[in-house]
Amino acid sequence: MKITDVQAIPLRIPQKMKFAKPKTGFDTESDGHVLVKILTDEGITGIGEAWRLTPRAVAKFIVEALKPRLIGADPTCIEALWQKMYVATFRYGRKGMVLNAISGVEIALWDILGKACNLPVYKLLGGARHERIRGYASLPPYGKPEEAAADAAALVESGYHMVKLHQRDLDSVAKTRAAIGDGIDLALDVNGCWTRREAVRMAHDMEQYNLRWLEEPLNPMDDYDGLRFVRERSNISIAAGENEYTHYGFKTLIEKDAVDILQPDVIKAGGLSCCRKILAMAEAWNIPLITHSFYYGPGVAATAHFVMANPFGDEMEICTTPIEENFITPDFRPVKGKITVSDAPGLGIEVIEDVVKKYRIDD
């Protein structure tokens, strides 16, 4: 089997926000998506997704920088092609958009391999360790604490076992804890906004609300020594990794004793192969690993397959704000907080082409 074409399609599908987006603080930029397709001479098409920021630029990079290095190659040689892409893009960078693009392509290669073997990807990754996956509810930022608390309570009522806020204030945490009760897990992701001292002070102030973890507290996010500083002074577990890249980057996080929980993202960190290597390191150092997956497309399917084969955890993040139209089926939205992964070959998804055509934003 040989690769005959690599396509990357930028999309802009608006979110259906229940409340107005806040005018300050973290902007999720969640309306963007990058769909990846890899075509072969045997009629098998692999589907992937690259991280969404600047979707036109990511799609352009895939087509201009990665496609020429893939045409004519055997798509089932995933590790060899990953190394080829990684080495060839050295001058472009070792973090950010370059690894996002490689991740999207790599996931599409796994989809091809699964389809060629007539097996779901999770079986290629080692087989099912869980019957179903527990999705945890990851909320968007809100302008008012009352809005965050109200949505959190509604999601708990629908069956989620955990809520993660993207707020930066104590009042939101307090009101949300009161709204969901003491029996539901609560986490906080501030997306890198505090100094070391501010993070320590906020962690102390939030202890009374029994947070499961505090995520990415520092600006800059890759201040590894600072993360260790906060971790050593916090009674709340410190989580990070959604903005870390490859097993090499996670090696640094581990060596620095920077986090209590590792959070690789399959469409950012380098793909499923990288995340399996990160999982092996987590096992060796006895550090919990819970994936990041704040998106809607094939990346959610890839994450679900990864979690199905993860012997150390059955949880995955679900972005709870719906978009106007889903562009894959099934859409992997939880039912009563649970996600079932089918035995369909590959990632087990199909692209809804009419939706892609409607929302693509090619120049």
Protein backbone atom coordinates (compact mmCIF):
# COMPACT_ATOMS: atom_id res chain seq x y z
CA MET A 1 0.00 0.00 0.00
CA LYS A 2 1.27 3.51 -0.86
CA ILE A 3 0.20 7.03 0.05
CA THR A 4 -1.16 8.89 -2.97
CA ASP A 5 -2.35 12.16 -1.43
CA VAL A 6 -2.40 14.10 1.83
CA GLN A 7 -5.17 16.64 2.36
CA ALA A 8 -5.64 19.13 5.17
CA ILE A 9 -8.92 21.04 5.36
CA PRO A 10 -9.30 24.06 7.65
CA LEU A 11 -12.76 24.53 9.15
CA ARG A 12 -14.54 27.18 11.17
CA ILE A 13 -17.60 25.77 12.97
CA PRO A 14 -18.99 28.17 15.59
CA GLN A 15 -19.75 27.04 19.11
CA LYS A 16 -23.29 27.23 20.43
CA MET A 17 -22.48 29.22 23.56
CA LYS A 18 -25.14 29.20 26.27
CA PHE A 19 -23.68 32.36 27.77
CA ALA A 20 -21.69 35.14 26.12
CA LYS A 21 -17.95 34.59 25.84
CA PRO A 22 -16.00 36.61 28.43
CA LYS A 23 -14.29 39.71 27.08
CA THR A 24 -11.18 39.16 29.18
CA GLY A 25 -9.15 36.11 30.09
CA PHE A 26 -8.60 32.94 28.11
CA ASP A 27 -10.09 32.79 24.61
CA THR A 28 -10.70 29.14 23.73
CA GLU A 29 -10.50 29.77 19.95
CA SER A 30 -12.59 26.61 19.75
CA ASP A 31 -14.34 27.46 16.48
CA GLY A 32 -11.37 26.26 14.38
CA HIS A 33 -10.66 22.69 13.25
CA VAL A 34 -8.18 21.00 10.91
CA LEU A 35 -9.35 17.80 9.21
CA VAL A 36 -6.63 15.55 7.77
CA LYS A 37 -7.16 12.93 5.07
CA ILE A 38 -4.54 10.51 3.76
CA LEU A 39 -5.43 8.65 0.56
CA THR A 40 -3.85 5.38 -0.59
CA ASP A 41 -3.60 3.36 -3.78
CA GLU A 42 -5.72 0.59 -2.22
CA GLY A 43 -8.72 2.84 -1.67
CA ILE A 44 -8.25 3.19 2.09
CA THR A 45 -8.50 6.75 3.43
CA GLY A 46 -7.16 7.64 6.84
CA ILE A 47 -8.83 10.37 8.87
CA GLY A 48 -7.02 12.57 11.40
CA GLU A 49 -7.23 15.93 13.10
CA ALA A 50 -4.59 18.55 13.90
CA TRP A 51 -4.88 21.03 16.76
CA ARG A 52 -7.06 23.90 15.70
CA LEU A 53 -5.23 27.19 16.36
CA THR A 54 -4.66 29.11 13.10
CA PRO A 55 -6.34 26.34 11.10
CA ARG A 56 -5.36 27.73 7.68
CA ALA A 57 -1.70 27.91 8.68
CA VAL A 58 -1.67 24.38 10.11
CA ALA A 59 -3.40 22.99 7.01
CA LYS A 60 -0.95 24.82 4.75
CA PHE A 61 2.02 23.44 6.68
CA ILE A 62 0.73 19.88 6.37
CA VAL A 63 0.36 20.21 2.61
CA GLU A 64 3.60 22.10 1.94
CA ALA A 65 6.01 20.61 4.49
CA LEU A 66 4.71 17.11 5.29
CA LYS A 67 2.89 15.88 2.20
CA PRO A 68 6.01 15.77 -0.06
CA ARG A 69 7.72 13.56 2.50
CA LEU A 70 4.82 11.11 2.62
CA ILE A 71 3.78 10.58 -1.00
CA GLY A 72 4.69 7.08 -2.15
CA ALA A 73 5.43 5.81 1.37
CA ASP A 74 3.86 2.79 3.06
CA PRO A 75 1.32 4.32 5.49
CA THR A 76 1.53 1.36 7.86
CA CYS A 77 5.16 2.21 8.72
CA ILE A 78 3.97 4.74 11.29
CA GLU A 79 7.07 5.01 13.45
CA ALA A 80 9.37 5.43 10.44
CA LEU A 81 7.14 8.13 8.93
CA TRP A 82 6.88 9.94 12.27
CA GLN A 83 10.67 10.05 12.54
CA LYS A 84 10.91 11.23 8.94
CA MET A 85 8.51 14.11 9.58
CA TYR A 86 10.09 15.00 12.93
CA VAL A 87 13.66 15.08 11.64
CA ALA A 88 12.74 16.91 8.42
CA THR A 89 10.99 19.74 10.31
CA PHE A 90 13.85 20.47 12.70
CA ARG A 91 14.31 24.02 11.41
CA TYR A 92 10.60 24.82 11.81
CA GLY A 93 10.47 24.17 15.55
CA ARG A 94 10.09 21.47 18.15
CA LYS A 95 6.84 22.66 19.74
CA GLY A 96 3.54 24.19 18.76
CA MET A 97 2.17 24.16 15.23
CA VAL A 98 4.77 21.79 13.78
CA LEU A 99 3.95 19.03 16.26
CA ASN A 100 0.23 19.76 15.93
CA ALA A 101 0.53 19.10 12.21
CA ILE A 102 2.58 15.93 12.65
CA SER A 103 0.05 14.70 15.19
CA GLY A 104 -2.86 15.09 12.79
CA VAL A 105 -1.06 13.16 10.08
CA GLU A 106 0.06 10.42 12.48
CA ILE A 107 -3.48 9.81 13.69
CA ALA A 108 -4.66 9.39 10.10
CA LEU A 109 -1.92 6.78 9.62
CA TRP A 110 -3.27 4.79 12.57
CA ASP A 111 -6.74 4.97 11.04
CA ILE A 112 -5.33 3.47 7.83
CA LEU A 113 -3.53 0.71 9.73
CA GLY A 114 -6.68 -0.22 11.63
CA LYS A 115 -8.74 -0.32 8.45
CA ALA A 116 -6.10 -2.39 6.66
CA CYS A 117 -6.03 -4.90 9.53
CA ASN A 118 -9.81 -4.75 10.04
CA LEU A 119 -9.23 -3.88 13.69
CA PRO A 120 -10.15 -0.90 15.89
CA VAL A 121 -7.17 1.24 16.81
CA TYR A 122 -7.46 0.45 20.51
CA LYS A 123 -6.72 -3.22 19.75
CA LEU A 124 -3.59 -2.17 17.88
CA LEU A 125 -2.59 -0.19 20.97
CA GLY A 126 -2.82 -3.22 23.23
CA GLY A 127 -6.48 -4.03 23.56
CA ALA A 128 -9.38 -2.84 25.68
CA ARG A 129 -8.78 -2.29 29.37
CA HIS A 130 -12.22 -0.83 30.02
CA GLU A 131 -15.77 -1.52 28.90
CA ARG A 132 -16.54 2.18 28.58
CA ILE A 133 -14.82 5.50 29.13
CA ARG A 134 -15.80 8.07 31.71
CA GLY A 135 -15.94 11.51 30.15
CA TYR A 136 -15.29 14.48 32.39
CA ALA A 137 -17.01 17.77 31.64
CA SER A 138 -14.62 20.51 30.54
CA LEU A 139 -16.43 23.85 30.58
CA PRO A 140 -15.64 27.01 28.58
CA PRO A 141 -14.70 30.27 30.31
CA TYR A 142 -17.62 32.27 31.72
CA GLY A 143 -17.98 35.95 32.41
CA LYS A 144 -19.79 35.37 35.70
CA PRO A 145 -19.23 32.80 38.48
CA GLU A 146 -22.98 32.10 38.61
CA GLU A 147 -22.94 31.01 34.96
CA ALA A 148 -20.11 28.55 35.56
CA ALA A 149 -21.87 27.10 38.59
CA ALA A 150 -25.19 26.73 36.77
CA ASP A 151 -23.68 24.89 33.81
CA ALA A 152 -21.61 22.68 36.10
CA ALA A 153 -24.69 21.64 38.06
CA ALA A 154 -26.59 20.83 34.86
CA LEU A 155 -23.74 18.68 33.54
CA VAL A 156 -23.50 16.75 36.78
CA GLU A 157 -27.22 16.14 36.56
CA SER A 158 -26.69 14.69 33.07
CA GLY A 159 -24.26 12.08 34.41
CA TYR A 160 -20.73 13.52 34.44
CA HIS A 161 -18.58 12.43 37.39
CA MET A 162 -16.30 15.46 37.24
CA VAL A 163 -16.30 19.10 36.18
CA LYS A 164 -13.30 21.18 35.08
CA LEU A 165 -13.54 24.96 35.13
CA HIS A 166 -11.56 27.42 33.02
CA GLN A 167 -12.01 30.29 35.45
CA ARG A 168 -9.38 32.31 37.28
CA ASP A 169 -11.21 33.50 40.37
CA LEU A 170 -11.98 32.06 43.77
CA ASP A 171 -15.66 32.97 43.61
CA SER A 172 -16.27 30.72 40.59
CA VAL A 173 -14.68 27.78 42.38
CA ALA A 174 -16.68 28.42 45.55
CA LYS A 175 -20.01 28.77 43.77
CA THR A 176 -19.39 25.73 41.57
CA ARG A 177 -18.48 23.54 44.50
CA ALA A 178 -21.65 24.61 46.27
CA ALA A 179 -23.70 23.90 43.14
CA ILE A 180 -22.35 20.40 42.43
CA GLY A 181 -21.92 19.20 46.01
CA ASP A 182 -19.03 17.43 47.70
CA GLY A 183 -19.41 14.08 45.95
CA ILE A 184 -18.41 15.31 42.47
CA ASP A 185 -14.80 15.85 41.41
CA LEU A 186 -13.86 19.44 40.59
CA ALA A 187 -10.71 20.64 38.80
CA LEU A 188 -9.50 24.05 37.70
CA ASP A 189 -7.52 24.95 34.57
CA VAL A 190 -6.27 28.57 34.52
CA ASN A 191 -4.28 28.22 31.26
CA GLY A 192 -1.08 29.78 32.51
CA CYS A 193 -1.87 33.12 34.11
CA TRP A 194 -0.08 33.47 37.51
CA THR A 195 3.38 34.05 38.89
CA ARG A 196 4.85 31.42 41.18
CA ARG A 197 3.86 33.29 44.34
CA GLU A 198 0.37 34.04 43.03
CA ALA A 199 -0.15 30.38 42.17
CA VAL A 200 0.91 29.25 45.65
CA ARG A 201 -1.39 31.78 47.28
CA MET A 202 -4.35 30.82 45.09
CA ALA A 203 -3.73 27.11 45.71
CA HIS A 204 -3.82 27.74 49.46
CA ASP A 205 -7.03 29.75 49.15
CA MET A 206 -8.68 26.99 47.10
CA GLU A 207 -7.78 24.07 49.36
CA GLN A 208 -11.10 24.32 51.17
CA TYR A 209 -12.97 23.47 47.94
CA ASN A 210 -11.31 20.08 47.51
CA LEU A 211 -9.97 20.48 43.97
CA ARG A 212 -8.82 17.29 42.32
CA TRP A 213 -6.14 19.21 40.50
CA LEU A 214 -4.93 22.72 39.55
CA GLU A 215 -3.92 22.80 35.89
CA GLU A 216 -1.24 24.93 34.21
CA PRO A 217 -1.07 27.62 36.90
CA LEU A 218 2.03 29.47 35.65
CA ASN A 219 2.94 32.02 33.03
CA PRO A 220 4.96 30.97 31.10
CA MET A 221 3.50 27.47 30.94
CA ASP A 222 6.90 25.84 30.38
CA ASP A 223 8.43 27.20 33.61
CA TYR A 224 9.29 23.71 34.84
CA ASP A 225 11.23 24.90 37.87
CA GLY A 226 8.32 27.16 38.73
CA LEU A 227 5.87 24.28 38.51
CA ARG A 228 8.02 22.32 40.94
CA PHE A 229 8.11 25.39 43.22
CA VAL A 230 4.29 25.52 43.25
CA ARG A 231 3.89 21.74 43.53
CA GLU A 232 6.13 21.59 46.59
CA ARG A 233 4.03 24.26 48.31
CA SER A 234 0.55 23.16 47.26
CA ASN A 235 -1.73 20.59 48.83
CA ILE A 236 -3.65 20.48 45.54
CA SER A 237 -2.20 18.23 42.84
CA ILE A 238 -0.58 20.12 39.96
CA ALA A 239 -1.41 18.97 36.41
CA ALA A 240 0.15 19.97 33.09
CA GLY A 241 1.05 18.63 29.68
CA GLU A 242 -1.54 19.79 27.16
CA ASN A 243 1.03 22.31 25.94
CA GLU A 244 3.99 19.95 26.11
CA TYR A 245 5.30 18.12 23.06
CA THR A 246 6.67 14.63 22.40
CA HIS A 247 8.08 12.14 24.85
CA TYR A 248 11.22 14.27 24.96
CA GLY A 249 9.29 17.19 26.41
CA PHE A 250 7.49 15.00 28.93
CA LYS A 251 10.86 13.58 29.97
CA THR A 252 11.75 17.09 31.12
CA LEU A 253 8.49 17.48 33.04
CA ILE A 254 9.18 14.24 34.86
CA GLU A 255 12.84 14.91 35.53
CA LYS A 256 11.99 18.31 37.01
CA ASP A 257 9.40 16.79 39.39
CA ALA A 258 7.11 19.46 37.98
CA VAL A 259 3.69 17.80 38.07
CA ASP A 260 1.53 15.28 39.89
CA ILE A 261 -0.57 14.46 36.79
CA LEU A 262 0.58 14.24 33.16
CA GLN A 263 -1.84 15.45 30.49
CA PRO A 264 -0.67 14.64 26.96
CA ASP A 265 -2.88 15.55 24.02
CA VAL A 266 -2.88 13.14 21.09
CA ILE A 267 -3.35 15.86 18.43
CA LYS A 268 -0.75 18.17 19.95
CA ALA A 269 1.99 16.10 21.60
CA GLY A 270 2.94 14.10 18.49
CA GLY A 271 0.15 11.59 17.98
CA LEU A 272 -0.76 8.21 19.38
CA SER A 273 2.77 6.79 19.16
CA CYS A 274 4.18 9.63 21.25
CA CYS A 275 1.39 9.33 23.78
CA ARG A 276 2.08 5.61 24.17
CA LYS A 277 5.71 6.45 24.93
CA ILE A 278 4.59 9.09 27.42
CA LEU A 279 2.28 6.53 29.03
CA ALA A 280 5.23 4.14 29.41
CA MET A 281 7.22 6.87 31.16
CA ALA A 282 4.26 7.64 33.41
CA GLU A 283 4.11 3.98 34.37
CA ALA A 284 7.85 3.82 35.07
CA TRP A 285 7.76 6.92 37.28
CA ASN A 286 4.37 6.04 38.82
CA ILE A 287 2.71 9.30 37.73
CA PRO A 288 -1.01 9.41 36.84
CA LEU A 289 -1.82 10.22 33.21
CA ILE A 290 -5.15 11.74 32.14
CA THR A 291 -5.42 12.93 28.54
CA HIS A 292 -6.34 16.39 27.32
CA SER A 293 -8.89 16.55 24.47
CA PHE A 294 -10.59 19.94 24.16
CA TYR A 295 -11.91 19.51 20.60
CA TYR A 296 -14.63 17.85 18.53
CA GLY A 297 -13.35 15.86 15.55
CA PRO A 298 -11.25 12.76 14.83
CA GLY A 299 -8.95 13.75 17.69
CA VAL A 300 -11.72 12.86 20.13
CA ALA A 301 -12.02 9.42 18.53
CA ALA A 302 -8.24 8.93 18.67
CA THR A 303 -8.20 9.95 22.33
CA ALA A 304 -11.00 7.51 23.12
CA HIS A 305 -9.05 4.65 21.53
CA PHE A 306 -5.96 5.65 23.50
CA VAL A 307 -7.91 5.72 26.76
CA MET A 308 -9.55 2.37 26.00
CA ALA A 309 -6.07 0.82 25.92
CA ASN A 310 -4.76 2.77 28.94
CA PRO A 311 -4.41 0.33 31.85
CA PHE A 312 -4.04 3.15 34.37
CA GLY A 313 -7.15 5.26 33.77
CA ASP A 314 -10.56 5.33 32.09
CA GLU A 315 -11.17 9.10 31.93
CA MET A 316 -11.03 11.60 29.09
CA GLU A 317 -11.82 15.27 28.74
CA ILE A 318 -14.98 16.26 26.85
CA CYS A 319 -15.52 19.83 25.64
CA THR A 320 -19.14 20.28 26.68
CA THR A 321 -20.05 23.32 24.57
CA PRO A 322 -21.68 21.98 21.39
CA ILE A 323 -20.79 23.26 17.94
CA GLU A 324 -23.34 24.17 15.27
CA GLU A 325 -22.85 20.90 13.39
CA ASN A 326 -20.63 17.91 14.12
CA PHE A 327 -18.36 16.92 11.24
CA ILE A 328 -17.78 13.28 12.19
CA THR A 329 -20.08 10.40 13.03
CA PRO A 330 -20.28 9.00 15.61
CA ASP A 331 -19.47 12.20 17.46
CA PHE A 332 -18.25 10.53 20.69
CA ARG A 333 -20.46 12.67 22.90
CA PRO A 334 -21.05 10.94 26.24
CA VAL A 335 -24.36 9.39 27.20
CA LYS A 336 -24.92 9.78 30.94
CA GLY A 337 -21.25 10.66 31.22
CA LYS A 338 -20.00 7.50 29.47
CA ILE A 339 -18.48 6.87 26.04
CA THR A 340 -18.66 3.56 24.20
CA VAL A 341 -16.03 2.77 21.57
CA SER A 342 -17.11 0.41 18.80
CA ASP A 343 -15.14 -2.42 17.18
CA ALA A 344 -15.33 -0.74 13.77
CA PRO A 345 -11.97 -0.76 11.93
CA GLY A 346 -9.57 2.12 12.45
CA LEU A 347 -10.93 5.03 14.44
CA GLY A 348 -14.46 3.88 13.60
CA ILE A 349 -15.61 7.24 12.26
CA GLU A 350 -16.85 8.77 9.04
CA VAL A 351 -16.57 12.37 7.92
CA ILE A 352 -19.83 14.20 7.24
CA GLU A 353 -18.80 15.71 3.93
CA ASP A 354 -21.73 18.13 3.62
CA VAL A 355 -20.75 19.73 6.92
CA VAL A 356 -17.10 19.96 5.89
CA LYS A 357 -18.07 21.60 2.61
CA LYS A 358 -20.29 24.10 4.43
CA TYR A 359 -17.70 25.20 7.01
CA ARG A 360 -14.35 24.93 5.24
CA ILE A 361 -12.38 28.16 5.11
CA ASP A 362 -9.83 27.61 2.36
CA ASP A 363 -8.59 30.82 0.83
